[in-house]
Amino acid sequence: MSENEKKHLFDILNSIREIQEYTTGIFAIEDYLKNRLVMRAVERMLGIIGEATNRLEKESDTPLLSNARKITGLRNRVIHAYDHVDNQIIWEIIQERLPELKQEIEEILKNEL
């Protein structure tokens, strides 16, 4: 794995950690929706995750992440269709998908280091 590929994986991992930090103590979507600052910060980090995933896929000879297309698609939606972002989907991603992605990346990096 190249240094650039590792950098992109660490960028994704750090963004996931930031999202988890931002949403600490937020246990329901209603509370998430009340905090627009957190919502915007999460959306920014999702954009970074998507962009890093896109770059990773372009630079890698073999696909590294199992849901790369979905991640990049979410990035495009958050960035380009910002007025049509479904906050219920974002909340589900925070709760369910990001922990899975974090674990996947940690496994990849563990095998490379």
PDB file of N, CA and C in Angstrom:
ATOM      1  N   MET A   1       0.850  -1.176   0.000  1.00  0.00           N
ATOM      2  CA  MET A   1       0.000   0.000   0.000  1.00  0.00           C
ATOM      3  C   MET A   1       0.896   1.240   0.000  1.00  0.00           C
ATOM      4  N   SER A   2       0.548   2.181  -0.844  1.00  0.00           N
ATOM      5  CA  SER A   2       1.352   3.395  -0.959  1.00  0.00           C
ATOM      6  C   SER A   2       1.113   4.329   0.230  1.00  0.00           C
ATOM      7  N   GLU A   3       2.012   5.261   0.393  1.00  0.00           N
ATOM      8  CA  GLU A   3       1.867   6.257   1.464  1.00  0.00           C
ATOM      9  C   GLU A   3       0.621   7.128   1.251  1.00  0.00           C
ATOM     10  N   ASN A   4       0.317   7.433  -0.011  1.00  0.00           N
ATOM     11  CA  ASN A   4      -0.886   8.215  -0.316  1.00  0.00           C
ATOM     12  C   ASN A   4      -2.146   7.458   0.087  1.00  0.00           C
ATOM     13  N   GLU A   5      -2.169   6.160  -0.205  1.00  0.00           N
ATOM     14  CA  GLU A   5      -3.329   5.348   0.168  1.00  0.00           C
ATOM     15  C   GLU A   5      -3.497   5.326   1.689  1.00  0.00           C
ATOM     16  N   LYS A   6      -2.396   5.177   2.406  1.00  0.00           N
ATOM     17  CA  LYS A   6      -2.450   5.212   3.869  1.00  0.00           C
ATOM     18  C   LYS A   6      -2.952   6.560   4.360  1.00  0.00           C
ATOM     19  N   LYS A   7      -2.475   7.633   3.730  1.00  0.00           N
ATOM     20  CA  LYS A   7      -2.909   8.978   4.122  1.00  0.00           C
ATOM     21  C   LYS A   7      -4.419   9.115   3.978  1.00  0.00           C
ATOM     22  N   HIS A   8      -4.962   8.646   2.858  1.00  0.00           N
ATOM     23  CA  HIS A   8      -6.408   8.745   2.642  1.00  0.00           C
ATOM     24  C   HIS A   8      -7.174   7.930   3.683  1.00  0.00           C
ATOM     25  N   LEU A   9      -6.664   6.754   4.011  1.00  0.00           N
ATOM     26  CA  LEU A   9      -7.317   5.934   5.037  1.00  0.00           C
ATOM     27  C   LEU A   9      -7.286   6.634   6.391  1.00  0.00           C
ATOM     28  N   PHE A  10      -6.161   7.244   6.725  1.00  0.00           N
ATOM     29  CA  PHE A  10      -6.079   7.985   7.987  1.00  0.00           C
ATOM     30  C   PHE A  10      -6.987   9.216   7.977  1.00  0.00           C
ATOM     31  N   ASP A  11      -7.116   9.869   6.828  1.00  0.00           N
ATOM     32  CA  ASP A  11      -8.043  11.002   6.725  1.00  0.00           C
ATOM     33  C   ASP A  11      -9.482  10.556   6.994  1.00  0.00           C
ATOM     34  N   ILE A  12      -9.852   9.416   6.443  1.00  0.00           N
ATOM     35  CA  ILE A  12     -11.196   8.881   6.664  1.00  0.00           C
ATOM     36  C   ILE A  12     -11.369   8.526   8.135  1.00  0.00           C
ATOM     37  N   LEU A  13     -10.407   7.831   8.687  1.00  0.00           N
ATOM     38  CA  LEU A  13     -10.473   7.410  10.086  1.00  0.00           C
ATOM     39  C   LEU A  13     -10.566   8.610  11.024  1.00  0.00           C
ATOM     40  N   ASN A  14      -9.755   9.626  10.782  1.00  0.00           N
ATOM     41  CA  ASN A  14      -9.797  10.828  11.624  1.00  0.00           C
ATOM     42  C   ASN A  14     -11.130  11.561  11.497  1.00  0.00           C
ATOM     43  N   SER A  15     -11.698  11.582  10.316  1.00  0.00           N
ATOM     44  CA  SER A  15     -12.998  12.226  10.127  1.00  0.00           C
ATOM     45  C   SER A  15     -14.103  11.466  10.863  1.00  0.00           C
ATOM     46  N   ILE A  16     -14.030  10.150  10.843  1.00  0.00           N
ATOM     47  CA  ILE A  16     -15.002   9.345  11.593  1.00  0.00           C
ATOM     48  C   ILE A  16     -14.876   9.645  13.074  1.00  0.00           C
ATOM     49  N   ARG A  17     -13.650   9.701  13.560  1.00  0.00           N
ATOM     50  CA  ARG A  17     -13.429  10.008  14.988  1.00  0.00           C
ATOM     51  C   ARG A  17     -13.981  11.387  15.349  1.00  0.00           C
ATOM     52  N   GLU A  18     -13.798  12.352  14.463  1.00  0.00           N
ATOM     53  CA  GLU A  18     -14.342  13.684  14.722  1.00  0.00           C
ATOM     54  C   GLU A  18     -15.866  13.656  14.789  1.00  0.00           C
ATOM     55  N   ILE A  19     -16.495  12.950  13.859  1.00  0.00           N
ATOM     56  CA  ILE A  19     -17.957  12.832  13.883  1.00  0.00           C
ATOM     57  C   ILE A  19     -18.404  12.198  15.193  1.00  0.00           C
ATOM     58  N   GLN A  20     -17.713  11.152  15.618  1.00  0.00           N
ATOM     59  CA  GLN A  20     -18.076  10.497  16.873  1.00  0.00           C
ATOM     60  C   GLN A  20     -17.903  11.451  18.052  1.00  0.00           C
ATOM     61  N   GLU A  21     -16.878  12.277  18.002  1.00  0.00           N
ATOM     62  CA  GLU A  21     -16.670  13.278  19.054  1.00  0.00           C
ATOM     63  C   GLU A  21     -17.786  14.321  19.039  1.00  0.00           C
ATOM     64  N   TYR A  22     -18.125  14.823  17.863  1.00  0.00           N
ATOM     65  CA  TYR A  22     -19.165  15.842  17.740  1.00  0.00           C
ATOM     66  C   TYR A  22     -20.518  15.342  18.246  1.00  0.00           C
ATOM     67  N   THR A  23     -20.773  14.050  18.048  1.00  0.00           N
ATOM     68  CA  THR A  23     -22.096  13.516  18.380  1.00  0.00           C
ATOM     69  C   THR A  23     -22.131  12.802  19.735  1.00  0.00           C
ATOM     70  N   THR A  24     -21.060  12.904  20.494  1.00  0.00           N
ATOM     71  CA  THR A  24     -21.053  12.335  21.839  1.00  0.00           C
ATOM     72  C   THR A  24     -22.164  13.004  22.651  1.00  0.00           C
ATOM     73  N   GLY A  25     -22.967  12.198  23.307  1.00  0.00           N
ATOM     74  CA  GLY A  25     -24.058  12.733  24.120  1.00  0.00           C
ATOM     75  C   GLY A  25     -25.341  13.004  23.351  1.00  0.00           C
ATOM     76  N   ILE A  26     -25.309  12.797  22.046  1.00  0.00           N
ATOM     77  CA  ILE A  26     -26.517  12.943  21.226  1.00  0.00           C
ATOM     78  C   ILE A  26     -27.019  11.533  20.937  1.00  0.00           C
ATOM     79  N   PHE A  27     -28.158  11.190  21.530  1.00  0.00           N
ATOM     80  CA  PHE A  27     -28.638   9.814  21.450  1.00  0.00           C
ATOM     81  C   PHE A  27     -29.881   9.648  20.574  1.00  0.00           C
ATOM     82  N   ALA A  28     -30.454  10.748  20.128  1.00  0.00           N
ATOM     83  CA  ALA A  28     -31.676  10.667  19.322  1.00  0.00           C
ATOM     84  C   ALA A  28     -31.584  11.660  18.173  1.00  0.00           C
ATOM     85  N   ILE A  29     -32.219  11.303  17.081  1.00  0.00           N
ATOM     86  CA  ILE A  29     -32.188  12.185  15.911  1.00  0.00           C
ATOM     87  C   ILE A  29     -32.778  13.552  16.227  1.00  0.00           C
ATOM     88  N   GLU A  30     -33.757  13.595  17.120  1.00  0.00           N
ATOM     89  CA  GLU A  30     -34.379  14.878  17.472  1.00  0.00           C
ATOM     90  C   GLU A  30     -33.347  15.831  18.078  1.00  0.00           C
ATOM     91  N   ASP A  31     -32.460  15.287  18.891  1.00  0.00           N
ATOM     92  CA  ASP A  31     -31.406  16.117  19.488  1.00  0.00           C
ATOM     93  C   ASP A  31     -30.380  16.522  18.435  1.00  0.00           C
ATOM     94  N   TYR A  32     -30.093  15.616  17.526  1.00  0.00           N
ATOM     95  CA  TYR A  32     -29.185  15.923  16.426  1.00  0.00           C
ATOM     96  C   TYR A  32     -29.742  17.074  15.583  1.00  0.00           C
ATOM     97  N   LEU A  33     -31.025  17.007  15.274  1.00  0.00           N
ATOM     98  CA  LEU A  33     -31.653  18.025  14.425  1.00  0.00           C
ATOM     99  C   LEU A  33     -31.728  19.390  15.099  1.00  0.00           C
ATOM    100  N   LYS A  34     -31.680  19.422  16.407  1.00  0.00           N
ATOM    101  CA  LYS A  34     -31.725  20.689  17.150  1.00  0.00           C
ATOM    102  C   LYS A  34     -30.379  21.401  17.144  1.00  0.00           C
ATOM    103  N   ASN A  35     -29.316  20.672  16.827  1.00  0.00           N
ATOM    104  CA  ASN A  35     -27.978  21.251  16.900  1.00  0.00           C
ATOM    105  C   ASN A  35     -27.413  21.422  15.489  1.00  0.00           C
ATOM    106  N   ARG A  36     -27.720  22.553  14.883  1.00  0.00           N
ATOM    107  CA  ARG A  36     -27.331  22.795  13.492  1.00  0.00           C
ATOM    108  C   ARG A  36     -25.811  22.871  13.330  1.00  0.00           C
ATOM    109  N   LEU A  37     -25.131  23.331  14.357  1.00  0.00           N
ATOM    110  CA  LEU A  37     -23.673  23.394  14.277  1.00  0.00           C
ATOM    111  C   LEU A  37     -23.086  21.984  14.149  1.00  0.00           C
ATOM    112  N   VAL A  38     -23.581  21.053  14.941  1.00  0.00           N
ATOM    113  CA  VAL A  38     -23.132  19.669  14.848  1.00  0.00           C
ATOM    114  C   VAL A  38     -23.515  19.086  13.494  1.00  0.00           C
ATOM    115  N   MET A  39     -24.719  19.355  13.040  1.00  0.00           N
ATOM    116  CA  MET A  39     -25.156  18.843  11.740  1.00  0.00           C
ATOM    117  C   MET A  39     -24.209  19.287  10.632  1.00  0.00           C
ATOM    118  N   ARG A  40     -23.856  20.552  10.630  1.00  0.00           N
ATOM    119  CA  ARG A  40     -22.976  21.072   9.572  1.00  0.00           C
ATOM    120  C   ARG A  40     -21.571  20.508   9.693  1.00  0.00           C
ATOM    121  N   ALA A  41     -21.090  20.329  10.921  1.00  0.00           N
ATOM    122  CA  ALA A  41     -19.766  19.748  11.124  1.00  0.00           C
ATOM    123  C   ALA A  41     -19.746  18.296  10.639  1.00  0.00           C
ATOM    124  N   VAL A  42     -20.791  17.564  10.941  1.00  0.00           N
ATOM    125  CA  VAL A  42     -20.897  16.173  10.474  1.00  0.00           C
ATOM    126  C   VAL A  42     -20.918  16.127   8.953  1.00  0.00           C
ATOM    127  N   GLU A  43     -21.706  16.984   8.338  1.00  0.00           N
ATOM    128  CA  GLU A  43     -21.774  17.015   6.884  1.00  0.00           C
ATOM    129  C   GLU A  43     -20.407  17.325   6.271  1.00  0.00           C
ATOM    130  N   ARG A  44     -19.662  18.223   6.888  1.00  0.00           N
ATOM    131  CA  ARG A  44     -18.319  18.560   6.406  1.00  0.00           C
ATOM    132  C   ARG A  44     -17.405  17.334   6.468  1.00  0.00           C
ATOM    133  N   MET A  45     -17.447  16.634   7.584  1.00  0.00           N
ATOM    134  CA  MET A  45     -16.610  15.444   7.743  1.00  0.00           C
ATOM    135  C   MET A  45     -17.035  14.330   6.781  1.00  0.00           C
ATOM    136  N   LEU A  46     -18.334  14.192   6.537  1.00  0.00           N
ATOM    137  CA  LEU A  46     -18.804  13.210   5.549  1.00  0.00           C
ATOM    138  C   LEU A  46     -18.291  13.565   4.154  1.00  0.00           C
ATOM    139  N   GLY A  47     -18.220  14.860   3.875  1.00  0.00           N
ATOM    140  CA  GLY A  47     -17.654  15.306   2.601  1.00  0.00           C
ATOM    141  C   GLY A  47     -16.187  14.922   2.481  1.00  0.00           C
ATOM    142  N   ILE A  48     -15.446  15.083   3.567  1.00  0.00           N
ATOM    143  CA  ILE A  48     -14.022  14.714   3.572  1.00  0.00           C
ATOM    144  C   ILE A  48     -13.877  13.207   3.418  1.00  0.00           C
ATOM    145  N   ILE A  49     -14.704  12.439   4.125  1.00  0.00           N
ATOM    146  CA  ILE A  49     -14.659  10.986   4.009  1.00  0.00           C
ATOM    147  C   ILE A  49     -14.909  10.564   2.561  1.00  0.00           C
ATOM    148  N   GLY A  50     -15.897  11.174   1.940  1.00  0.00           N
ATOM    149  CA  GLY A  50     -16.220  10.843   0.555  1.00  0.00           C
ATOM    150  C   GLY A  50     -15.114  11.224  -0.413  1.00  0.00           C
ATOM    151  N   GLU A  51     -14.530  12.380  -0.218  1.00  0.00           N
ATOM    152  CA  GLU A  51     -13.455  12.815  -1.107  1.00  0.00           C
ATOM    153  C   GLU A  51     -12.222  11.944  -0.933  1.00  0.00           C
ATOM    154  N   ALA A  52     -11.877  11.622   0.302  1.00  0.00           N
ATOM    155  CA  ALA A  52     -10.722  10.751   0.555  1.00  0.00           C
ATOM    156  C   ALA A  52     -10.963   9.357  -0.032  1.00  0.00           C
ATOM    157  N   THR A  53     -12.192   8.886   0.073  1.00  0.00           N
ATOM    158  CA  THR A  53     -12.538   7.582  -0.517  1.00  0.00           C
ATOM    159  C   THR A  53     -12.407   7.629  -2.026  1.00  0.00           C
ATOM    160  N   ASN A  54     -12.886   8.686  -2.632  1.00  0.00           N
ATOM    161  CA  ASN A  54     -12.787   8.850  -4.076  1.00  0.00           C
ATOM    162  C   ASN A  54     -11.322   8.848  -4.521  1.00  0.00           C
ATOM    163  N   ARG A  55     -10.480   9.600  -3.829  1.00  0.00           N
ATOM    164  CA  ARG A  55      -9.055   9.638  -4.172  1.00  0.00           C
ATOM    165  C   ARG A  55      -8.398   8.281  -3.958  1.00  0.00           C
ATOM    166  N   LEU A  56      -8.765   7.612  -2.875  1.00  0.00           N
ATOM    167  CA  LEU A  56      -8.227   6.290  -2.575  1.00  0.00           C
ATOM    168  C   LEU A  56      -8.549   5.309  -3.694  1.00  0.00           C
ATOM    169  N   GLU A  57      -9.777   5.327  -4.150  1.00  0.00           N
ATOM    170  CA  GLU A  57     -10.198   4.405  -5.211  1.00  0.00           C
ATOM    171  C   GLU A  57      -9.490   4.711  -6.527  1.00  0.00           C
ATOM    172  N   LYS A  58      -9.230   5.979  -6.802  1.00  0.00           N
ATOM    173  CA  LYS A  58      -8.540   6.343  -8.042  1.00  0.00           C
ATOM    174  C   LYS A  58      -7.076   5.936  -8.019  1.00  0.00           C
ATOM    175  N   GLU A  59      -6.468   5.981  -6.829  1.00  0.00           N
ATOM    176  CA  GLU A  59      -5.037   5.710  -6.725  1.00  0.00           C
ATOM    177  C   GLU A  59      -4.704   4.248  -6.476  1.00  0.00           C
ATOM    178  N   SER A  60      -5.674   3.484  -5.999  1.00  0.00           N
ATOM    179  CA  SER A  60      -5.416   2.101  -5.618  1.00  0.00           C
ATOM    180  C   SER A  60      -5.606   1.152  -6.804  1.00  0.00           C
ATOM    181  N   ASP A  61      -4.743   0.159  -6.876  1.00  0.00           N
ATOM    182  CA  ASP A  61      -4.864  -0.857  -7.922  1.00  0.00           C
ATOM    183  C   ASP A  61      -6.015  -1.816  -7.646  1.00  0.00           C
ATOM    184  N   THR A  62      -6.324  -2.019  -6.372  1.00  0.00           N
ATOM    185  CA  THR A  62      -7.422  -2.907  -5.982  1.00  0.00           C
ATOM    186  C   THR A  62      -8.365  -2.157  -5.045  1.00  0.00           C
ATOM    187  N   PRO A  63      -9.643  -2.420  -5.135  1.00  0.00           N
ATOM    188  CA  PRO A  63     -10.594  -1.755  -4.230  1.00  0.00           C
ATOM    189  C   PRO A  63     -10.270  -2.108  -2.777  1.00  0.00           C
ATOM    190  N   LEU A  64     -10.234  -1.094  -1.934  1.00  0.00           N
ATOM    191  CA  LEU A  64      -9.900  -1.323  -0.527  1.00  0.00           C
ATOM    192  C   LEU A  64     -11.134  -1.307   0.376  1.00  0.00           C
ATOM    193  N   LEU A  65     -12.099  -0.462   0.046  1.00  0.00           N
ATOM    194  CA  LEU A  65     -13.271  -0.301   0.907  1.00  0.00           C
ATOM    195  C   LEU A  65     -14.499  -0.941   0.260  1.00  0.00           C
ATOM    196  N   SER A  66     -15.253  -1.653   1.052  1.00  0.00           N
ATOM    197  CA  SER A  66     -16.379  -2.420   0.513  1.00  0.00           C
ATOM    198  C   SER A  66     -17.517  -1.544  -0.007  1.00  0.00           C
ATOM    199  N   ASN A  67     -17.707  -0.365   0.541  1.00  0.00           N
ATOM    200  CA  ASN A  67     -18.824   0.496   0.120  1.00  0.00           C
ATOM    201  C   ASN A  67     -18.348   1.816  -0.488  1.00  0.00           C
ATOM    202  N   ALA A  68     -17.253   1.759  -1.211  1.00  0.00           N
ATOM    203  CA  ALA A  68     -16.647   2.990  -1.736  1.00  0.00           C
ATOM    204  C   ALA A  68     -17.606   3.805  -2.594  1.00  0.00           C
ATOM    205  N   ARG A  69     -18.369   3.152  -3.453  1.00  0.00           N
ATOM    206  CA  ARG A  69     -19.295   3.892  -4.336  1.00  0.00           C
ATOM    207  C   ARG A  69     -20.388   4.599  -3.529  1.00  0.00           C
ATOM    208  N   LYS A  70     -20.905   3.926  -2.519  1.00  0.00           N
ATOM    209  CA  LYS A  70     -21.942   4.544  -1.681  1.00  0.00           C
ATOM    210  C   LYS A  70     -21.377   5.729  -0.904  1.00  0.00           C
ATOM    211  N   ILE A  71     -20.147   5.582  -0.432  1.00  0.00           N
ATOM    212  CA  ILE A  71     -19.503   6.662   0.331  1.00  0.00           C
ATOM    213  C   ILE A  71     -19.297   7.876  -0.562  1.00  0.00           C
ATOM    214  N   THR A  72     -18.799   7.645  -1.751  1.00  0.00           N
ATOM    215  CA  THR A  72     -18.590   8.742  -2.697  1.00  0.00           C
ATOM    216  C   THR A  72     -19.926   9.356  -3.115  1.00  0.00           C
ATOM    217  N   GLY A  73     -20.938   8.530  -3.301  1.00  0.00           N
ATOM    218  CA  GLY A  73     -22.271   9.027  -3.641  1.00  0.00           C
ATOM    219  C   GLY A  73     -22.839   9.917  -2.541  1.00  0.00           C
ATOM    220  N   LEU A  74     -22.618   9.535  -1.295  1.00  0.00           N
ATOM    221  CA  LEU A  74     -23.074  10.370  -0.176  1.00  0.00           C
ATOM    222  C   LEU A  74     -22.351  11.707  -0.195  1.00  0.00           C
ATOM    223  N   ARG A  75     -21.057  11.669  -0.452  1.00  0.00           N
ATOM    224  CA  ARG A  75     -20.283  12.915  -0.536  1.00  0.00           C
ATOM    225  C   ARG A  75     -20.875  13.837  -1.595  1.00  0.00           C
ATOM    226  N   ASN A  76     -21.182  13.282  -2.755  1.00  0.00           N
ATOM    227  CA  ASN A  76     -21.748  14.091  -3.830  1.00  0.00           C
ATOM    228  C   ASN A  76     -23.088  14.689  -3.421  1.00  0.00           C
ATOM    229  N   ARG A  77     -23.875  13.925  -2.723  1.00  0.00           N
ATOM    230  CA  ARG A  77     -25.190  14.419  -2.278  1.00  0.00           C
ATOM    231  C   ARG A  77     -25.029  15.547  -1.263  1.00  0.00           C
ATOM    232  N   VAL A  78     -24.137  15.346  -0.293  1.00  0.00           N
ATOM    233  CA  VAL A  78     -23.928  16.357   0.750  1.00  0.00           C
ATOM    234  C   VAL A  78     -23.364  17.648   0.152  1.00  0.00           C
ATOM    235  N   ILE A  79     -22.470  17.511  -0.806  1.00  0.00           N
ATOM    236  CA  ILE A  79     -21.819  18.684  -1.389  1.00  0.00           C
ATOM    237  C   ILE A  79     -22.681  19.348  -2.466  1.00  0.00           C
ATOM    238  N   HIS A  80     -23.211  18.570  -3.388  1.00  0.00           N
ATOM    239  CA  HIS A  80     -23.896  19.143  -4.543  1.00  0.00           C
ATOM    240  C   HIS A  80     -25.407  19.255  -4.383  1.00  0.00           C
ATOM    241  N   ALA A  81     -25.993  18.375  -3.606  1.00  0.00           N
ATOM    242  CA  ALA A  81     -27.454  18.420  -3.409  1.00  0.00           C
ATOM    243  C   ALA A  81     -27.752  18.718  -1.945  1.00  0.00           C
ATOM    244  N   TYR A  82     -27.004  19.679  -1.411  1.00  0.00           N
ATOM    245  CA  TYR A  82     -27.088  20.031   0.006  1.00  0.00           C
ATOM    246  C   TYR A  82     -28.507  20.332   0.471  1.00  0.00           C
ATOM    247  N   ASP A  83     -29.345  20.777  -0.432  1.00  0.00           N
ATOM    248  CA  ASP A  83     -30.716  21.134  -0.059  1.00  0.00           C
ATOM    249  C   ASP A  83     -31.657  19.930  -0.087  1.00  0.00           C
ATOM    250  N   HIS A  84     -31.132  18.765  -0.416  1.00  0.00           N
ATOM    251  CA  HIS A  84     -31.936  17.539  -0.447  1.00  0.00           C
ATOM    252  C   HIS A  84     -31.325  16.435   0.423  1.00  0.00           C
ATOM    253  N   VAL A  85     -30.548  16.827   1.424  1.00  0.00           N
ATOM    254  CA  VAL A  85     -29.937  15.850   2.320  1.00  0.00           C
ATOM    255  C   VAL A  85     -31.007  15.334   3.275  1.00  0.00           C
ATOM    256  N   ASP A  86     -31.128  14.030   3.363  1.00  0.00           N
ATOM    257  CA  ASP A  86     -32.090  13.394   4.261  1.00  0.00           C
ATOM    258  C   ASP A  86     -31.397  13.162   5.602  1.00  0.00           C
ATOM    259  N   ASN A  87     -31.783  13.943   6.606  1.00  0.00           N
ATOM    260  CA  ASN A  87     -31.130  13.858   7.905  1.00  0.00           C
ATOM    261  C   ASN A  87     -31.358  12.525   8.596  1.00  0.00           C
ATOM    262  N   GLN A  88     -32.434  11.855   8.275  1.00  0.00           N
ATOM    263  CA  GLN A  88     -32.662  10.522   8.830  1.00  0.00           C
ATOM    264  C   GLN A  88     -31.591   9.556   8.325  1.00  0.00           C
ATOM    265  N   ILE A  89     -31.254   9.661   7.060  1.00  0.00           N
ATOM    266  CA  ILE A  89     -30.201   8.814   6.489  1.00  0.00           C
ATOM    267  C   ILE A  89     -28.846   9.166   7.108  1.00  0.00           C
ATOM    268  N   ILE A  90     -28.571  10.450   7.259  1.00  0.00           N
ATOM    269  CA  ILE A  90     -27.307  10.873   7.874  1.00  0.00           C
ATOM    270  C   ILE A  90     -27.209  10.309   9.289  1.00  0.00           C
ATOM    271  N   TRP A  91     -28.293  10.390  10.056  1.00  0.00           N
ATOM    272  CA  TRP A  91     -28.300   9.872  11.412  1.00  0.00           C
ATOM    273  C   TRP A  91     -28.034   8.359  11.418  1.00  0.00           C
ATOM    274  N   GLU A  92     -28.653   7.628  10.505  1.00  0.00           N
ATOM    275  CA  GLU A  92     -28.425   6.181  10.422  1.00  0.00           C
ATOM    276  C   GLU A  92     -26.970   5.872  10.051  1.00  0.00           C
ATOM    277  N   ILE A  93     -26.408   6.677   9.193  1.00  0.00           N
ATOM    278  CA  ILE A  93     -24.998   6.500   8.827  1.00  0.00           C
ATOM    279  C   ILE A  93     -24.116   6.707  10.048  1.00  0.00           C
ATOM    280  N   ILE A  94     -24.384   7.753  10.814  1.00  0.00           N
ATOM    281  CA  ILE A  94     -23.605   8.033  12.026  1.00  0.00           C
ATOM    282  C   ILE A  94     -23.691   6.854  12.989  1.00  0.00           C
ATOM    283  N   GLN A  95     -24.896   6.355  13.177  1.00  0.00           N
ATOM    284  CA  GLN A  95     -25.136   5.307  14.172  1.00  0.00           C
ATOM    285  C   GLN A  95     -24.684   3.917  13.724  1.00  0.00           C
ATOM    286  N   GLU A  96     -24.857   3.601  12.458  1.00  0.00           N
ATOM    287  CA  GLU A  96     -24.643   2.223  11.996  1.00  0.00           C
ATOM    288  C   GLU A  96     -23.451   2.055  11.061  1.00  0.00           C
ATOM    289  N   ARG A  97     -23.351   2.907  10.068  1.00  0.00           N
ATOM    290  CA  ARG A  97     -22.351   2.684   9.017  1.00  0.00           C
ATOM    291  C   ARG A  97     -20.941   3.153   9.384  1.00  0.00           C
ATOM    292  N   LEU A  98     -20.849   4.288  10.086  1.00  0.00           N
ATOM    293  CA  LEU A  98     -19.511   4.785  10.418  1.00  0.00           C
ATOM    294  C   LEU A  98     -18.740   3.838  11.338  1.00  0.00           C
ATOM    295  N   PRO A  99     -19.370   3.246  12.353  1.00  0.00           N
ATOM    296  CA  PRO A  99     -18.617   2.270  13.152  1.00  0.00           C
ATOM    297  C   PRO A  99     -18.117   1.087  12.319  1.00  0.00           C
ATOM    298  N   GLU A 100     -18.915   0.640  11.369  1.00  0.00           N
ATOM    299  CA  GLU A 100     -18.498  -0.452  10.480  1.00  0.00           C
ATOM    300  C   GLU A 100     -17.313  -0.023   9.610  1.00  0.00           C
ATOM    301  N   LEU A 101     -17.390   1.184   9.056  1.00  0.00           N
ATOM    302  CA  LEU A 101     -16.308   1.699   8.212  1.00  0.00           C
ATOM    303  C   LEU A 101     -15.039   1.886   9.034  1.00  0.00           C
ATOM    304  N   LYS A 102     -15.197   2.399  10.237  1.00  0.00           N
ATOM    305  CA  LYS A 102     -14.047   2.587  11.125  1.00  0.00           C
ATOM    306  C   LYS A 102     -13.352   1.257  11.380  1.00  0.00           C
ATOM    307  N   GLN A 103     -14.111   0.235  11.671  1.00  0.00           N
ATOM    308  CA  GLN A 103     -13.553  -1.083  11.929  1.00  0.00           C
ATOM    309  C   GLN A 103     -12.854  -1.633  10.680  1.00  0.00           C
ATOM    310  N   GLU A 104     -13.481  -1.453   9.527  1.00  0.00           N
ATOM    311  CA  GLU A 104     -12.886  -1.922   8.275  1.00  0.00           C
ATOM    312  C   GLU A 104     -11.527  -1.262   8.033  1.00  0.00           C
ATOM    313  N   ILE A 105     -11.451   0.039   8.237  1.00  0.00           N
ATOM    314  CA  ILE A 105     -10.199   0.772   8.006  1.00  0.00           C
ATOM    315  C   ILE A 105      -9.148   0.378   9.039  1.00  0.00           C
ATOM    316  N   GLU A 106      -9.558   0.235  10.280  1.00  0.00           N
ATOM    317  CA  GLU A 106      -8.599  -0.175  11.308  1.00  0.00           C
ATOM    318  C   GLU A 106      -7.988  -1.534  10.979  1.00  0.00           C
ATOM    319  N   GLU A 107      -8.812  -2.437  10.445  1.00  0.00           N
ATOM    320  CA  GLU A 107      -8.304  -3.761  10.040  1.00  0.00           C
ATOM    321  C   GLU A 107      -7.307  -3.649   8.885  1.00  0.00           C
ATOM    322  N   ILE A 108      -7.653  -2.831   7.898  1.00  0.00           N
ATOM    323  CA  ILE A 108      -6.751  -2.635   6.748  1.00  0.00           C
ATOM    324  C   ILE A 108      -5.422  -2.077   7.222  1.00  0.00           C
ATOM    325  N   LEU A 109      -5.470  -1.050   8.060  1.00  0.00           N
ATOM    326  CA  LEU A 109      -4.244  -0.413   8.540  1.00  0.00           C
ATOM    327  C   LEU A 109      -3.446  -1.342   9.444  1.00  0.00           C
ATOM    328  N   LYS A 110      -4.124  -2.128  10.246  1.00  0.00           N
ATOM    329  CA  LYS A 110      -3.448  -3.073  11.134  1.00  0.00           C
ATOM    330  C   LYS A 110      -2.633  -4.083  10.326  1.00  0.00           C
ATOM    331  N   ASN A 111      -3.195  -4.491   9.213  1.00  0.00           N
ATOM    332  CA  ASN A 111      -2.508  -5.453   8.350  1.00  0.00           C
ATOM    333  C   ASN A 111      -1.354  -4.840   7.570  1.00  0.00           C
ATOM    334  N   GLU A 112      -1.369  -3.513   7.465  1.00  0.00           N
ATOM    335  CA  GLU A 112      -0.312  -2.827   6.692  1.00  0.00           C
ATOM    336  C   GLU A 112       0.828  -2.333   7.559  1.00  0.00           C
ATOM    337  N   LEU A 113       0.569  -2.143   8.829  1.00  0.00           N
ATOM    338  CA  LEU A 113       1.620  -1.558   9.695  1.00  0.00           C
ATOM    339  C   LEU A 113       2.475  -2.596  10.355  1.00  0.00           C
TER     340      LEU A 113
END
